[in-house]
N, C-alpha and C. Protein backbone atom coordinates (compact mmCIF):
# COMPACT_ATOMS: atom_id res chain seq x y z
N MET A 1 22.09 6.88 21.28
CA MET A 1 21.00 5.77 21.89
C MET A 1 19.60 5.63 21.13
N ALA A 2 19.92 5.10 20.49
CA ALA A 2 18.92 4.45 19.31
C ALA A 2 17.88 3.25 20.25
N LYS A 3 16.41 4.37 19.59
CA LYS A 3 15.20 3.38 20.21
C LYS A 3 15.04 1.85 19.32
N GLY A 4 14.66 0.70 20.12
CA GLY A 4 14.50 -0.37 19.71
C GLY A 4 13.36 -0.79 17.96
N LYS A 5 12.10 0.59 18.37
CA LYS A 5 11.47 0.71 17.67
C LYS A 5 11.41 1.99 17.02
N ASP A 6 11.37 2.13 15.91
CA ASP A 6 11.61 3.42 15.11
C ASP A 6 10.04 3.87 14.58
N VAL A 7 10.28 5.24 14.83
CA VAL A 7 8.45 5.54 15.02
C VAL A 7 7.70 5.65 13.24
N ARG A 8 9.09 6.37 12.44
CA ARG A 8 8.75 5.75 11.11
C ARG A 8 8.95 4.78 10.60
N VAL A 9 7.37 4.07 9.60
CA VAL A 9 7.80 2.73 9.06
C VAL A 9 7.25 2.25 7.77
N ARG A 10 8.32 2.01 6.94
CA ARG A 10 7.83 1.57 5.13
C ARG A 10 6.45 1.08 5.13
N VAL A 11 6.12 1.05 4.67
CA VAL A 11 4.54 0.36 4.39
C VAL A 11 4.57 0.75 2.80
N ILE A 12 3.86 -0.72 2.35
CA ILE A 12 3.45 -0.64 0.84
C ILE A 12 2.04 -0.36 1.11
N LEU A 13 1.78 0.02 -0.31
CA LEU A 13 -0.01 0.43 -0.42
C LEU A 13 -0.42 -0.52 -2.06
N GLU A 14 -1.45 -0.94 -1.83
CA GLU A 14 -1.73 -2.47 -2.89
C GLU A 14 -2.98 -2.54 -2.97
N CYS A 15 -3.77 -1.48 -4.74
CA CYS A 15 -4.30 -1.61 -5.04
C CYS A 15 -5.58 -2.60 -5.15
N THR A 16 -6.50 -2.56 -4.29
CA THR A 16 -7.64 -3.31 -3.65
C THR A 16 -8.91 -3.24 -4.85
N SER A 17 -8.88 -2.63 -5.86
CA SER A 17 -9.43 -3.18 -6.75
C SER A 17 -8.51 -4.39 -7.50
N CYS A 18 -7.67 -4.30 -8.19
CA CYS A 18 -6.54 -5.19 -8.42
C CYS A 18 -7.10 -6.76 -7.89
N VAL A 19 -6.77 -6.39 -6.71
CA VAL A 19 -6.26 -8.05 -5.67
C VAL A 19 -8.16 -8.42 -5.73
N ARG A 20 -8.53 -7.51 -5.69
CA ARG A 20 -10.29 -8.35 -5.84
C ARG A 20 -10.85 -9.00 -7.33
N ASN A 21 -10.57 -8.40 -8.30
CA ASN A 21 -10.85 -8.72 -9.42
C ASN A 21 -10.00 -10.18 -10.39
N ARG A 22 -8.69 -10.19 -9.52
CA ARG A 22 -7.78 -11.53 -9.45
C ARG A 22 -7.09 -10.36 -11.01
N VAL A 23 -6.77 -9.88 -11.02
CA VAL A 23 -5.80 -9.52 -12.18
C VAL A 23 -4.59 -10.43 -12.05
N ASN A 24 -4.38 -10.91 -14.06
CA ASN A 24 -3.39 -12.11 -14.16
C ASN A 24 -1.74 -11.38 -13.43
N LYS A 25 -1.23 -11.63 -12.81
CA LYS A 25 -0.01 -11.26 -12.20
C LYS A 25 0.96 -11.50 -13.17
N GLU A 26 1.05 -12.46 -14.05
CA GLU A 26 2.01 -12.08 -14.88
C GLU A 26 2.33 -11.24 -15.66
N LEU A 27 1.26 -11.10 -16.50
CA LEU A 27 1.41 -10.25 -17.46
C LEU A 27 1.17 -8.44 -17.02
N MET A 28 0.49 -8.05 -16.53
CA MET A 28 0.22 -6.82 -15.96
C MET A 28 1.53 -6.78 -14.38
N GLY A 29 0.91 -7.09 -13.74
CA GLY A 29 1.12 -7.23 -12.41
C GLY A 29 -0.10 -6.62 -11.44
N ILE A 30 0.35 -6.32 -10.60
CA ILE A 30 -0.60 -5.56 -9.42
C ILE A 30 -0.34 -4.06 -9.17
N SER A 31 -0.74 -3.07 -8.84
CA SER A 31 -0.08 -1.48 -8.35
C SER A 31 0.12 -1.65 -7.16
N ARG A 32 1.61 -1.44 -6.79
CA ARG A 32 1.79 -1.02 -5.24
C ARG A 32 3.45 -0.16 -5.03
N TYR A 33 3.03 1.20 -4.08
CA TYR A 33 3.30 1.99 -3.91
C TYR A 33 4.15 1.59 -2.53
N ILE A 34 5.24 2.63 -2.14
CA ILE A 34 6.31 2.02 -0.79
C ILE A 34 6.19 3.66 -0.63
N THR A 35 5.15 3.62 0.66
CA THR A 35 5.66 5.12 1.42
C THR A 35 5.55 4.92 3.09
N GLN A 36 5.91 6.42 3.50
CA GLN A 36 5.97 5.81 5.51
C GLN A 36 5.14 6.20 6.08
N LYS A 37 4.98 6.19 7.22
CA LYS A 37 3.92 6.55 7.95
C LYS A 37 4.60 6.25 9.75
N ASN A 38 4.02 7.46 10.25
CA ASN A 38 3.98 7.62 11.37
C ASN A 38 3.63 6.74 12.71
N ARG A 39 4.21 5.75 13.41
CA ARG A 39 3.18 4.80 13.64
C ARG A 39 2.37 4.94 15.27
N HIS A 40 2.80 6.28 15.39
CA HIS A 40 2.30 6.77 16.73
C HIS A 40 1.03 7.52 16.67
N ASN A 41 0.98 8.43 15.04
CA ASN A 41 -0.37 8.80 14.55
C ASN A 41 -1.06 8.14 13.71
N THR A 42 -0.88 7.27 13.14
CA THR A 42 -1.81 6.62 12.74
C THR A 42 -1.22 4.80 12.70
N PRO A 43 -1.82 4.50 13.73
CA PRO A 43 -2.20 2.75 14.63
C PRO A 43 -2.26 1.56 13.48
N SER A 44 -3.66 2.22 13.18
CA SER A 44 -4.41 1.32 12.13
C SER A 44 -3.81 1.31 11.06
N ARG A 45 -4.12 0.33 10.25
CA ARG A 45 -4.36 0.40 8.80
C ARG A 45 -4.04 2.34 7.74
N LEU A 46 -3.24 2.11 6.68
CA LEU A 46 -3.43 3.18 5.58
C LEU A 46 -3.92 2.79 4.61
N GLU A 47 -5.03 3.49 4.06
CA GLU A 47 -5.70 3.48 2.90
C GLU A 47 -5.39 5.25 2.37
N LEU A 48 -5.19 5.06 1.12
CA LEU A 48 -5.24 6.27 0.21
C LEU A 48 -5.34 5.81 -0.95
N ILE A 49 -6.25 7.37 -1.81
CA ILE A 49 -6.50 6.55 -3.28
C ILE A 49 -5.40 7.44 -4.30
N LYS A 50 -4.87 6.24 -4.89
CA LYS A 50 -3.87 6.26 -5.55
C LYS A 50 -4.18 6.21 -7.39
N PHE A 51 -3.41 6.39 -8.14
CA PHE A 51 -3.48 6.05 -9.47
C PHE A 51 -3.18 4.56 -9.84
N CYS A 52 -4.01 3.88 -10.21
CA CYS A 52 -3.50 2.58 -10.56
C CYS A 52 -2.98 2.35 -12.21
N PRO A 53 -2.04 1.71 -12.53
CA PRO A 53 -1.98 2.01 -13.82
C PRO A 53 -2.34 0.17 -14.62
N CYS A 54 -3.00 -0.42 -13.53
CA CYS A 54 -3.14 -1.95 -14.73
C CYS A 54 -4.87 -1.39 -14.52
N CYS A 55 -5.65 -1.01 -13.62
CA CYS A 55 -7.22 -0.22 -14.11
C CYS A 55 -6.94 1.09 -14.27
N TYR A 56 -6.19 1.80 -15.25
CA TYR A 56 -6.14 3.15 -15.35
C TYR A 56 -7.37 3.84 -14.75
N LYS A 57 -7.08 4.33 -13.22
CA LYS A 57 -8.16 5.33 -13.11
C LYS A 57 -7.35 5.22 -11.86
N HIS A 58 -7.94 6.47 -10.55
CA HIS A 58 -7.74 5.85 -9.13
C HIS A 58 -8.81 5.25 -8.09
N THR A 59 -7.98 4.51 -7.51
CA THR A 59 -8.47 3.39 -6.78
C THR A 59 -7.77 3.51 -5.40
N ILE A 60 -8.64 2.86 -4.57
CA ILE A 60 -7.92 3.19 -2.93
C ILE A 60 -6.75 2.34 -2.95
N HIS A 61 -6.00 2.59 -2.43
CA HIS A 61 -4.92 1.56 -2.35
C HIS A 61 -4.74 1.26 -0.73
N GLY A 62 -4.11 0.33 -0.25
CA GLY A 62 -4.45 -0.36 1.49
C GLY A 62 -3.17 -0.89 2.10
N GLU A 63 -3.27 -0.92 3.05
CA GLU A 63 -1.51 -1.21 3.54
C GLU A 63 -1.76 -2.64 3.34
N ILE A 64 -0.50 -3.75 3.10
CA ILE A 64 -0.62 -4.64 3.15
C ILE A 64 0.43 -5.37 4.04
N LYS A 65 1.07 -6.50 4.60
CA LYS A 65 1.76 -7.10 5.17
C LYS A 65 3.47 -7.11 4.62
N LYS A 66 4.52 -7.27 5.46
CA LYS A 66 5.39 -7.26 4.69
C LYS A 66 5.86 -9.03 4.53
């Protein structure tokens, strides 16, 4: 018996400083990570500090819609 909605879902984390600064998407792109989160434990949007190769520093990566 499978449930309708899975507890663990895949989320995409995107660099917030690259989006704010409007980095040229054709040349460098925007840093994105794919991870999983538990829907019951973290119902709000996920934000993690990850390394951004476009900015060359650690920045906040926030969850985006698919």
